[in-house]
Amino acid sequence: MNQDPHQLAGLHPLLAQRASPTAFDPSAAVDDHTLDLLLEAARWAPSAGNSQPWGFLTTRPGEPRHERVTRHLAPSSARWATGAGLLVVTLTRRHVDDSTMTYSEFADYDLGQAVAHLTLQAQALGLAARQFRAFDLDALTEELRPAPGWAIVSMVALGKPAAGPAAPRTRRTIADLRTAPWAPPPQ
């Protein structure tokens, strides 16, 4: 699982240095300009047929929606997510307009592209992002009541990490990425 650090040579620093923080600095606010840049990065993500099937609910500490969102966090994510300067609820629209299709098999993938763009923009701005699904999906959906056809998928906590640089990350090897889908299951 360990990645040889020498194999990172040539990898863009925004990718090589990205890490999911285990704590955020609660005193570091995410201002309106930064929020706009993050959403602009997500807006330019590629999508199937340029459908752009993503949407976001953003909230910062002190805003009325913040408590409406944080009360549905699982204890495991509440420990660190509540200190983030920004929480983003990610949504996807799986219904395809002007089509006989009733479900887009690409909507969740496209949302992931938008979140990846947002994550890299955050990294470029000196922020960190941690994506997660440790919350009560049914209760949050009931609380926020997205429009028909829209579904909450995940959340992203963004802000300044509370600690210094993260310990080196480990990842599966490139060889495993190529062979795992074709390898027999472990016995």
Protein backbone atom coordinates (compact mmCIF):
# COMPACT_ATOMS: atom_id res chain seq x y z
CA MET A 1 0.00 0.00 0.00
CA ASN A 2 2.89 2.41 0.50
CA GLN A 3 3.75 4.64 -2.41
CA ASP A 4 7.42 5.25 -3.05
CA PRO A 5 7.86 9.03 -2.63
CA HIS A 6 10.25 9.04 -5.58
CA GLN A 7 7.36 7.96 -7.80
CA LEU A 8 5.69 11.29 -7.01
CA ALA A 9 8.33 13.17 -9.02
CA GLY A 10 6.48 15.03 -11.74
CA LEU A 11 3.12 14.82 -10.01
CA HIS A 12 1.64 18.28 -9.57
CA PRO A 13 2.20 19.54 -5.99
CA LEU A 14 -1.52 20.24 -5.56
CA LEU A 15 -2.11 16.52 -5.97
CA ALA A 16 1.00 15.24 -4.20
CA GLN A 17 0.45 17.43 -1.12
CA ARG A 18 -3.32 17.06 -0.82
CA ALA A 19 -4.44 15.42 2.40
CA SER A 20 -7.66 15.14 4.38
CA PRO A 21 -7.16 16.93 7.70
CA THR A 22 -8.20 15.35 10.96
CA ALA A 23 -8.88 18.77 12.50
CA PHE A 24 -9.64 22.27 11.23
CA ASP A 25 -8.75 25.65 12.73
CA PRO A 26 -12.15 26.97 13.89
CA SER A 27 -10.85 30.57 13.89
CA ALA A 28 -10.05 30.49 10.14
CA ALA A 29 -13.08 31.78 8.26
CA VAL A 30 -13.79 31.13 4.58
CA ASP A 31 -14.74 34.49 3.10
CA ASP A 32 -17.22 35.16 0.29
CA HIS A 33 -14.52 35.63 -2.37
CA THR A 34 -12.93 32.28 -1.50
CA LEU A 35 -16.33 30.58 -1.51
CA ASP A 36 -17.03 32.02 -4.96
CA LEU A 37 -13.67 30.74 -6.26
CA LEU A 38 -14.37 27.25 -4.91
CA LEU A 39 -17.79 27.15 -6.56
CA GLU A 40 -16.39 28.59 -9.80
CA ALA A 41 -13.87 25.73 -9.91
CA ALA A 42 -16.68 23.20 -9.44
CA ARG A 43 -18.77 24.96 -12.10
CA TRP A 44 -16.12 24.30 -14.76
CA ALA A 45 -15.88 20.55 -14.18
CA PRO A 46 -16.63 18.30 -17.14
CA SER A 47 -19.93 16.44 -17.28
CA ALA A 48 -21.77 14.03 -19.57
CA GLY A 49 -23.46 16.02 -22.31
CA ASN A 50 -22.54 19.21 -20.38
CA SER A 51 -25.46 18.40 -18.08
CA GLN A 52 -23.71 19.78 -14.97
CA PRO A 53 -25.92 17.71 -12.64
CA TRP A 54 -24.47 19.04 -9.40
CA GLY A 55 -25.61 21.45 -6.76
CA PHE A 56 -24.25 22.60 -3.43
CA LEU A 57 -25.60 23.90 -0.16
CA THR A 58 -22.86 25.86 1.56
CA THR A 59 -22.81 26.96 5.17
CA ARG A 60 -20.30 28.52 7.50
CA PRO A 61 -20.21 28.69 11.31
CA GLY A 62 -22.61 31.33 12.54
CA GLU A 63 -24.93 31.08 9.54
CA PRO A 64 -28.51 29.91 10.18
CA ARG A 65 -28.17 26.73 8.08
CA HIS A 66 -24.96 25.63 9.80
CA GLU A 67 -26.67 24.14 12.84
CA ARG A 68 -29.33 22.59 10.59
CA VAL A 69 -26.54 20.68 8.84
CA THR A 70 -24.19 19.92 11.74
CA ARG A 71 -26.89 18.39 13.93
CA HIS A 72 -27.06 15.48 11.46
CA LEU A 73 -23.33 14.69 11.52
CA ALA A 74 -22.27 11.33 12.87
CA PRO A 75 -20.15 11.58 16.04
CA SER A 76 -17.11 10.44 14.05
CA SER A 77 -17.31 13.40 11.65
CA ALA A 78 -18.68 15.93 14.14
CA ARG A 79 -15.33 15.78 16.00
CA TRP A 80 -13.52 17.51 13.15
CA ALA A 81 -16.14 18.82 10.65
CA THR A 82 -17.68 21.37 13.02
CA GLY A 83 -14.34 23.22 13.15
CA ALA A 84 -14.21 23.70 9.38
CA GLY A 85 -14.68 27.20 8.00
CA LEU A 86 -17.11 25.86 5.40
CA LEU A 87 -19.35 22.84 5.04
CA VAL A 88 -20.64 21.91 1.61
CA VAL A 89 -23.55 19.52 1.14
CA THR A 90 -23.21 17.99 -2.32
CA LEU A 91 -26.26 17.10 -4.37
CA THR A 92 -26.80 15.51 -7.75
CA ARG A 93 -29.68 15.65 -10.16
CA ARG A 94 -30.13 12.16 -11.53
CA HIS A 95 -33.15 12.98 -13.72
CA VAL A 96 -32.25 13.85 -17.32
CA ASP A 97 -34.12 16.81 -18.81
CA ASP A 98 -35.40 16.67 -22.40
CA SER A 99 -34.73 12.96 -22.63
CA THR A 100 -36.51 9.65 -22.47
CA MET A 101 -33.96 8.60 -19.84
CA THR A 102 -35.36 8.59 -16.34
CA TYR A 103 -32.00 8.18 -14.64
CA SER A 104 -28.51 9.40 -15.47
CA GLU A 105 -25.90 6.79 -14.72
CA PHE A 106 -23.29 9.57 -14.95
CA ALA A 107 -24.73 12.10 -12.49
CA ASP A 108 -22.86 10.86 -9.42
CA TYR A 109 -19.62 10.55 -11.40
CA ASP A 110 -20.06 14.10 -12.70
CA LEU A 111 -20.69 15.38 -9.17
CA GLY A 112 -17.44 13.70 -8.16
CA GLN A 113 -15.66 15.61 -10.92
CA ALA A 114 -17.07 18.90 -9.62
CA VAL A 115 -16.02 18.07 -6.05
CA ALA A 116 -12.53 17.14 -7.27
CA HIS A 117 -12.23 20.53 -8.98
CA LEU A 118 -13.44 22.27 -5.82
CA THR A 119 -10.92 20.25 -3.77
CA LEU A 120 -7.98 21.21 -5.97
CA GLN A 121 -9.02 24.88 -5.95
CA ALA A 122 -9.14 24.72 -2.15
CA GLN A 123 -5.63 23.27 -2.10
CA ALA A 124 -4.42 26.04 -4.44
CA LEU A 125 -5.86 28.62 -2.00
CA GLY A 126 -4.04 27.09 0.97
CA LEU A 127 -7.15 25.35 2.30
CA ALA A 128 -7.77 21.68 2.86
CA ALA A 129 -10.85 19.66 2.03
CA ARG A 130 -12.14 16.48 3.59
CA GLN A 131 -14.94 14.67 1.82
CA PHE A 132 -17.21 12.47 3.88
CA ARG A 133 -20.48 10.59 4.18
CA ALA A 134 -20.66 10.20 7.97
CA PHE A 135 -24.04 11.85 8.53
CA ASP A 136 -27.68 10.81 8.73
CA LEU A 137 -28.68 11.01 5.06
CA ASP A 138 -32.40 10.52 5.63
CA ALA A 139 -32.59 13.12 8.40
CA LEU A 140 -30.52 15.66 6.45
CA THR A 141 -32.69 15.14 3.38
CA GLU A 142 -35.79 15.69 5.49
CA GLU A 143 -34.21 18.79 7.06
CA LEU A 144 -33.11 20.42 3.79
CA ARG A 145 -35.85 19.12 1.49
CA PRO A 146 -34.08 19.29 -1.89
CA ALA A 147 -36.25 19.84 -4.96
CA PRO A 148 -37.67 16.77 -6.73
CA GLY A 149 -35.04 14.90 -8.71
CA TRP A 150 -32.18 16.10 -6.50
CA ALA A 151 -30.39 13.82 -4.02
CA ILE A 152 -27.85 14.57 -1.31
CA VAL A 153 -24.72 12.47 -1.86
CA SER A 154 -21.96 13.64 0.48
CA MET A 155 -20.41 16.56 2.32
CA VAL A 156 -17.10 18.37 2.13
CA ALA A 157 -15.50 20.18 5.06
CA LEU A 158 -13.11 22.94 4.00
CA GLY A 159 -10.82 25.23 5.91
CA LYS A 160 -7.37 25.69 7.36
CA PRO A 161 -5.96 22.52 8.87
CA ALA A 162 -5.46 22.83 12.63
CA ALA A 163 -2.21 20.90 12.60
CA GLY A 164 0.98 21.17 10.58
CA PRO A 165 1.70 19.10 7.50
CA ALA A 166 0.07 15.71 7.48
CA ALA A 167 2.03 12.53 7.79
CA PRO A 168 2.94 10.98 4.47
CA ARG A 169 -0.08 9.36 2.87
CA THR A 170 -0.18 5.79 1.68
CA ARG A 171 -1.91 4.61 -1.42
CA ARG A 172 -2.34 1.39 -3.31
CA THR A 173 0.34 0.78 -5.90
CA ILE A 174 -0.16 1.63 -9.56
CA ALA A 175 0.20 -2.08 -10.33
CA ASP A 176 -2.69 -2.82 -7.94
CA LEU A 177 -4.85 -0.14 -9.60
CA ARG A 178 -4.36 -1.90 -12.90
CA THR A 179 -4.80 -5.48 -11.71
CA ALA A 180 -7.24 -5.39 -8.76
CA PRO A 181 -10.40 -5.38 -10.94
CA TRP A 182 -9.20 -8.51 -12.73
CA ALA A 183 -7.63 -10.41 -9.87
CA PRO A 184 -9.47 -13.30 -8.23
CA PRO A 185 -10.93 -12.40 -4.82
CA PRO A 186 -8.68 -13.19 -1.83
CA GLN A 187 -9.22 -16.63 -0.35
